[in-house]
C-alpha atoms as a PDB file:
ATOM      1  CA  UNK A   1     125.512 105.646 155.926  1.00  0.00           C
ATOM      2  CA  UNK A   2     125.063 109.120 157.364  1.00  0.00           C
ATOM      3  CA  UNK A   3     123.429 110.920 160.249  1.00  0.00           C
ATOM      4  CA  UNK A   4     122.707 114.537 160.918  1.00  0.00           C
ATOM      5  CA  UNK A   5     121.775 116.382 164.034  1.00  0.00           C
ATOM      6  CA  UNK A   6     118.404 118.126 163.628  1.00  0.00           C
ATOM      7  CA  UNK A   7     118.228 121.877 163.607  1.00  0.00           C
ATOM      8  CA  UNK A   8     121.197 122.773 165.744  1.00  0.00           C
ATOM      9  CA  UNK A   9     120.100 126.337 166.308  1.00  0.00           C
ATOM     10  CA  UNK A  10     116.753 125.578 167.947  1.00  0.00           C
ATOM     11  CA  UNK A  11     115.842 127.524 171.032  1.00  0.00           C
ATOM     12  CA  UNK A  12     116.053 125.096 173.942  1.00  0.00           C
ATOM     13  CA  UNK A  13     115.439 127.307 176.951  1.00  0.00           C
ATOM     14  CA  UNK A  14     118.903 126.512 178.333  1.00  0.00           C
ATOM     15  CA  UNK A  15     120.536 129.826 177.327  1.00  0.00           C
ATOM     16  CA  UNK A  16     122.911 128.079 174.932  1.00  0.00           C
ATOM     17  CA  UNK A  17     125.009 130.202 172.610  1.00  0.00           C
ATOM     18  CA  UNK A  18     125.948 129.626 168.978  1.00  0.00           C
ATOM     19  CA  UNK A  19     129.364 128.544 170.246  1.00  0.00           C
ATOM     20  CA  UNK A  20     127.688 125.946 172.492  1.00  0.00           C
ATOM     21  CA  UNK A  21     125.728 124.524 169.563  1.00  0.00           C
ATOM     22  CA  UNK A  22     128.838 124.462 167.368  1.00  0.00           C
ATOM     23  CA  UNK A  23     130.872 122.686 170.057  1.00  0.00           C
ATOM     24  CA  UNK A  24     128.098 120.113 170.551  1.00  0.00           C
ATOM     25  CA  UNK A  25     127.790 119.450 166.808  1.00  0.00           C
ATOM     26  CA  UNK A  26     131.571 119.097 166.503  1.00  0.00           C
ATOM     27  CA  UNK A  27     131.662 116.532 169.310  1.00  0.00           C
ATOM     28  CA  UNK A  28     128.873 114.528 167.668  1.00  0.00           C
ATOM     29  CA  UNK A  29     130.662 114.629 164.323  1.00  0.00           C
ATOM     30  CA  UNK A  30     133.981 113.629 165.883  1.00  0.00           C
ATOM     31  CA  UNK A  31     132.312 110.653 167.516  1.00  0.00           C
ATOM     32  CA  UNK A  32     130.448 109.674 164.337  1.00  0.00           C
ATOM     33  CA  UNK A  33     133.741 109.699 162.458  1.00  0.00           C
ATOM     34  CA  UNK A  34     135.148 107.067 164.831  1.00  0.00           C
ATOM     35  CA  UNK A  35     132.413 104.620 163.774  1.00  0.00           C
ATOM     36  CA  UNK A  36     132.136 102.474 160.676  1.00  0.00           C
ATOM     37  CA  UNK A  37     129.206 100.842 158.948  1.00  0.00           C
ATOM     38  CA  UNK A  38     128.828  97.097 158.518  1.00  0.00           C
ATOM     39  CA  UNK A  39     130.400  97.557 155.086  1.00  0.00           C
ATOM     40  CA  UNK A  40     133.472  99.141 156.691  1.00  0.00           C
ATOM     41  CA  UNK A  41     132.726 102.663 155.511  1.00  0.00           C
ATOM     42  CA  UNK A  42     133.071 105.651 157.828  1.00  0.00           C
ATOM     43  CA  UNK A  43     129.887 107.051 159.316  1.00  0.00           C
ATOM     44  CA  UNK A  44     129.256 110.495 157.884  1.00  0.00           C
ATOM     45  CA  UNK A  45     127.796 113.384 159.846  1.00  0.00           C
ATOM     46  CA  UNK A  46     126.048 116.423 158.405  1.00  0.00           C
ATOM     47  CA  UNK A  47     124.821 119.866 159.287  1.00  0.00           C
ATOM     48  CA  UNK A  48     121.115 120.677 159.016  1.00  0.00           C
ATOM     49  CA  UNK A  49     120.176 124.319 158.562  1.00  0.00           C
ATOM     50  CA  UNK A  50     121.819 126.794 161.000  1.00  0.00           C
ATOM     51  CA  UNK A  51     123.810 128.624 158.328  1.00  0.00           C
ATOM     52  CA  UNK A  52     125.228 130.973 160.937  1.00  0.00           C
ATOM     53  CA  UNK A  53     127.263 128.014 162.254  1.00  0.00           C
ATOM     54  CA  UNK A  54     128.647 127.045 158.845  1.00  0.00           C
ATOM     55  CA  UNK A  55     132.060 128.721 159.303  1.00  0.00           C
ATOM     56  CA  UNK A  56     132.590 126.781 162.549  1.00  0.00           C
ATOM     57  CA  UNK A  57     131.325 123.429 161.252  1.00  0.00           C
ATOM     58  CA  UNK A  58     132.179 123.057 157.571  1.00  0.00           C
ATOM     59  CA  UNK A  59     135.605 121.515 158.114  1.00  0.00           C
ATOM     60  CA  UNK A  60     134.281 118.642 160.258  1.00  0.00           C
ATOM     61  CA  UNK A  61     130.880 118.063 158.592  1.00  0.00           C
ATOM     62  CA  UNK A  62     130.547 115.761 155.590  1.00  0.00           C
ATOM     63  CA  UNK A  63     127.417 117.258 154.019  1.00  0.00           C
ATOM     64  CA  UNK A  64     124.632 119.754 154.611  1.00  0.00           C
ATOM     65  CA  UNK A  65     120.841 119.379 154.613  1.00  0.00           C
ATOM     66  CA  UNK A  66     119.007 122.651 154.120  1.00  0.00           C
ATOM     67  CA  UNK A  67     115.319 123.463 154.014  1.00  0.00           C
ATOM     68  CA  UNK A  68     113.392 126.263 152.355  1.00  0.00           C
ATOM     69  CA  UNK A  69     116.452 128.235 151.364  1.00  0.00           C
ATOM     70  CA  UNK A  70     114.631 129.753 148.384  1.00  0.00           C
ATOM     71  CA  UNK A  71     111.852 131.303 150.434  1.00  0.00           C
ATOM     72  CA  UNK A  72     114.444 132.629 152.879  1.00  0.00           C
ATOM     73  CA  UNK A  73     116.931 133.698 150.153  1.00  0.00           C
ATOM     74  CA  UNK A  74     119.824 131.902 151.855  1.00  0.00           C
ATOM     75  CA  UNK A  75     120.729 129.212 149.303  1.00  0.00           C
ATOM     76  CA  UNK A  76     124.071 130.761 148.396  1.00  0.00           C
ATOM     77  CA  UNK A  77     125.212 130.571 152.048  1.00  0.00           C
ATOM     78  CA  UNK A  78     125.862 126.855 151.566  1.00  0.00           C
ATOM     79  CA  UNK A  79     128.161 127.120 148.517  1.00  0.00           C
ATOM     80  CA  UNK A  80     131.304 126.618 150.671  1.00  0.00           C
ATOM     81  CA  UNK A  81     130.247 122.959 151.038  1.00  0.00           C
ATOM     82  CA  UNK A  82     130.183 122.606 147.249  1.00  0.00           C
ATOM     83  CA  UNK A  83     133.560 124.338 146.970  1.00  0.00           C
ATOM     84  CA  UNK A  84     134.994 121.742 149.371  1.00  0.00           C
ATOM     85  CA  UNK A  85     133.484 118.908 147.315  1.00  0.00           C
ATOM     86  CA  UNK A  86     130.812 118.134 149.912  1.00  0.00           C
ATOM     87  CA  UNK A  87     127.159 117.593 148.953  1.00  0.00           C
ATOM     88  CA  UNK A  88     124.311 119.931 149.845  1.00  0.00           C
ATOM     89  CA  UNK A  89     120.832 118.379 149.990  1.00  0.00           C
ATOM     90  CA  UNK A  90     118.181 121.036 149.507  1.00  0.00           C
ATOM     91  CA  UNK A  91     114.586 120.296 150.563  1.00  0.00           C
ATOM     92  CA  UNK A  92     111.777 122.558 149.419  1.00  0.00           C
ATOM     93  CA  UNK A  93     108.071 122.444 150.267  1.00  0.00           C
ATOM     94  CA  UNK A  94     106.059 124.254 147.553  1.00  0.00           C
ATOM     95  CA  UNK A  95     102.483 125.157 148.434  1.00  0.00           C
ATOM     96  CA  UNK A  96     101.105 123.435 145.335  1.00  0.00           C
ATOM     97  CA  UNK A  97     102.184 120.015 146.622  1.00  0.00           C
ATOM     98  CA  UNK A  98     101.026 120.581 150.179  1.00  0.00           C
ATOM     99  CA  UNK A  99      98.040 118.242 149.649  1.00  0.00           C
ATOM    100  CA  UNK A 100      98.817 116.999 146.156  1.00  0.00           C
ATOM    101  CA  UNK A 101     101.509 115.380 144.083  1.00  0.00           C
ATOM    102  CA  UNK A 102     100.999 117.761 141.152  1.00  0.00           C
ATOM    103  CA  UNK A 103     103.317 120.739 141.255  1.00  0.00           C
ATOM    104  CA  UNK A 104     102.085 123.877 139.483  1.00  0.00           C
ATOM    105  CA  UNK A 105     104.080 125.405 136.655  1.00  0.00           C
ATOM    106  CA  UNK A 106     104.723 128.498 138.800  1.00  0.00           C
ATOM    107  CA  UNK A 107     106.088 126.431 141.687  1.00  0.00           C
ATOM    108  CA  UNK A 108     108.114 124.244 139.317  1.00  0.00           C
ATOM    109  CA  UNK A 109     109.698 127.325 137.777  1.00  0.00           C
ATOM    110  CA  UNK A 110     110.435 128.801 141.210  1.00  0.00           C
ATOM    111  CA  UNK A 111     111.795 125.677 142.887  1.00  0.00           C
ATOM    112  CA  UNK A 112     113.461 123.899 139.984  1.00  0.00           C
ATOM    113  CA  UNK A 113     115.973 126.479 138.755  1.00  0.00           C
ATOM    114  CA  UNK A 114     119.423 127.531 139.882  1.00  0.00           C
ATOM    115  CA  UNK A 115     118.809 131.253 140.242  1.00  0.00           C
ATOM    116  CA  UNK A 116     119.031 131.174 144.033  1.00  0.00           C
ATOM    117  CA  UNK A 117     122.715 130.347 144.451  1.00  0.00           C
ATOM    118  CA  UNK A 118     122.014 126.634 144.721  1.00  0.00           C
ATOM    119  CA  UNK A 119     124.097 125.467 141.773  1.00  0.00           C
ATOM    120  CA  UNK A 120     125.182 121.818 142.184  1.00  0.00           C
ATOM    121  CA  UNK A 121     122.847 121.133 145.128  1.00  0.00           C
ATOM    122  CA  UNK A 122     120.747 117.959 145.194  1.00  0.00           C
ATOM    123  CA  UNK A 123     117.221 119.329 145.213  1.00  0.00           C
ATOM    124  CA  UNK A 124     114.216 117.406 146.491  1.00  0.00           C
ATOM    125  CA  UNK A 125     110.621 118.672 146.456  1.00  0.00           C
ATOM    126  CA  UNK A 126     108.532 117.295 149.347  1.00  0.00           C
ATOM    127  CA  UNK A 127     105.103 117.712 150.938  1.00  0.00           C
ATOM    128  CA  UNK A 128     104.941 120.223 153.754  1.00  0.00           C
ATOM    129  CA  UNK A 129     106.767 118.941 156.808  1.00  0.00           C
ATOM    130  CA  UNK A 130     103.623 118.006 158.730  1.00  0.00           C
ATOM    131  CA  UNK A 131     102.895 115.479 155.972  1.00  0.00           C
ATOM    132  CA  UNK A 132     106.158 113.604 156.020  1.00  0.00           C
ATOM    133  CA  UNK A 133     105.753 110.484 153.964  1.00  0.00           C
ATOM    134  CA  UNK A 134     107.543 108.783 151.114  1.00  0.00           C
ATOM    135  CA  UNK A 135     106.464 111.133 148.328  1.00  0.00           C
ATOM    136  CA  UNK A 136     109.018 113.353 146.674  1.00  0.00           C
ATOM    137  CA  UNK A 137     109.984 114.841 143.342  1.00  0.00           C
ATOM    138  CA  UNK A 138     113.257 115.554 141.586  1.00  0.00           C
ATOM    139  CA  UNK A 139     113.271 118.440 139.136  1.00  0.00           C
ATOM    140  CA  UNK A 140     115.677 116.850 136.658  1.00  0.00           C
ATOM    141  CA  UNK A 141     112.972 114.875 134.838  1.00  0.00           C
ATOM    142  CA  UNK A 142     110.649 117.772 134.076  1.00  0.00           C
ATOM    143  CA  UNK A 143     107.330 118.957 135.419  1.00  0.00           C
ATOM    144  CA  UNK A 144     105.705 115.525 135.589  1.00  0.00           C
ATOM    145  CA  UNK A 145     108.592 113.068 135.361  1.00  0.00           C
ATOM    146  CA  UNK A 146     110.517 113.228 138.624  1.00  0.00           C
ATOM    147  CA  UNK A 147     108.054 111.926 141.213  1.00  0.00           C
ATOM    148  CA  UNK A 148     108.555 108.932 143.466  1.00  0.00           C
ATOM    149  CA  UNK A 149     106.875 107.372 146.487  1.00  0.00           C
ATOM    150  CA  UNK A 150     108.973 105.278 148.857  1.00  0.00           C
ATOM    151  CA  UNK A 151     106.104 104.740 151.302  1.00  0.00           C
ATOM    152  CA  UNK A 152     104.752 101.987 149.061  1.00  0.00           C
ATOM    153  CA  UNK A 153     107.824  99.877 149.742  1.00  0.00           C
ATOM    154  CA  UNK A 154     109.676  97.615 147.391  1.00  0.00           C
ATOM    155  CA  UNK A 155     108.140  94.355 146.321  1.00  0.00           C
ATOM    156  CA  UNK A 156     110.277  91.457 147.369  1.00  0.00           C
ATOM    157  CA  UNK A 157     110.698  88.738 144.751  1.00  0.00           C
ATOM    158  CA  UNK A 158     108.904  85.493 145.466  1.00  0.00           C
ATOM    159  CA  UNK A 159     111.774  83.099 146.101  1.00  0.00           C
ATOM    160  CA  UNK A 160     109.524  80.066 145.706  1.00  0.00           C
ATOM    161  CA  UNK A 161     109.417  80.556 141.954  1.00  0.00           C
END
């Protein structure tokens, strides 16, 4: 099991500095690491976005979740996680799947390659953030083979049979 603190660099109106955000995230991670799941595994804590805080947080965080690094040309910033053996989960929101589940060839080629410094990241294509639902797509199975929809749930077996 894992948790992550949402964008830790958001403007809050409280005149917080990058050091304040880093200290807060570290405290949350330290606390999370004192907890265990029902299976006895340690609770993991991850960093979401805020690449400018990576040098301060990488040693205590267990993973990173990044969004839209390709459009912002910042994918390579997160390679230190990979070098430490920690996963990076990359979420991208191509325009062609904003209201559809059919990604265009152009978007597939842009979002499903490793030319952006994202080698070894776990990449997930999703609808635009205002349409959060269970649909997603992995690039590994080709242009039409990596889609899934978790919003439909999993059918439970009928135990009366």
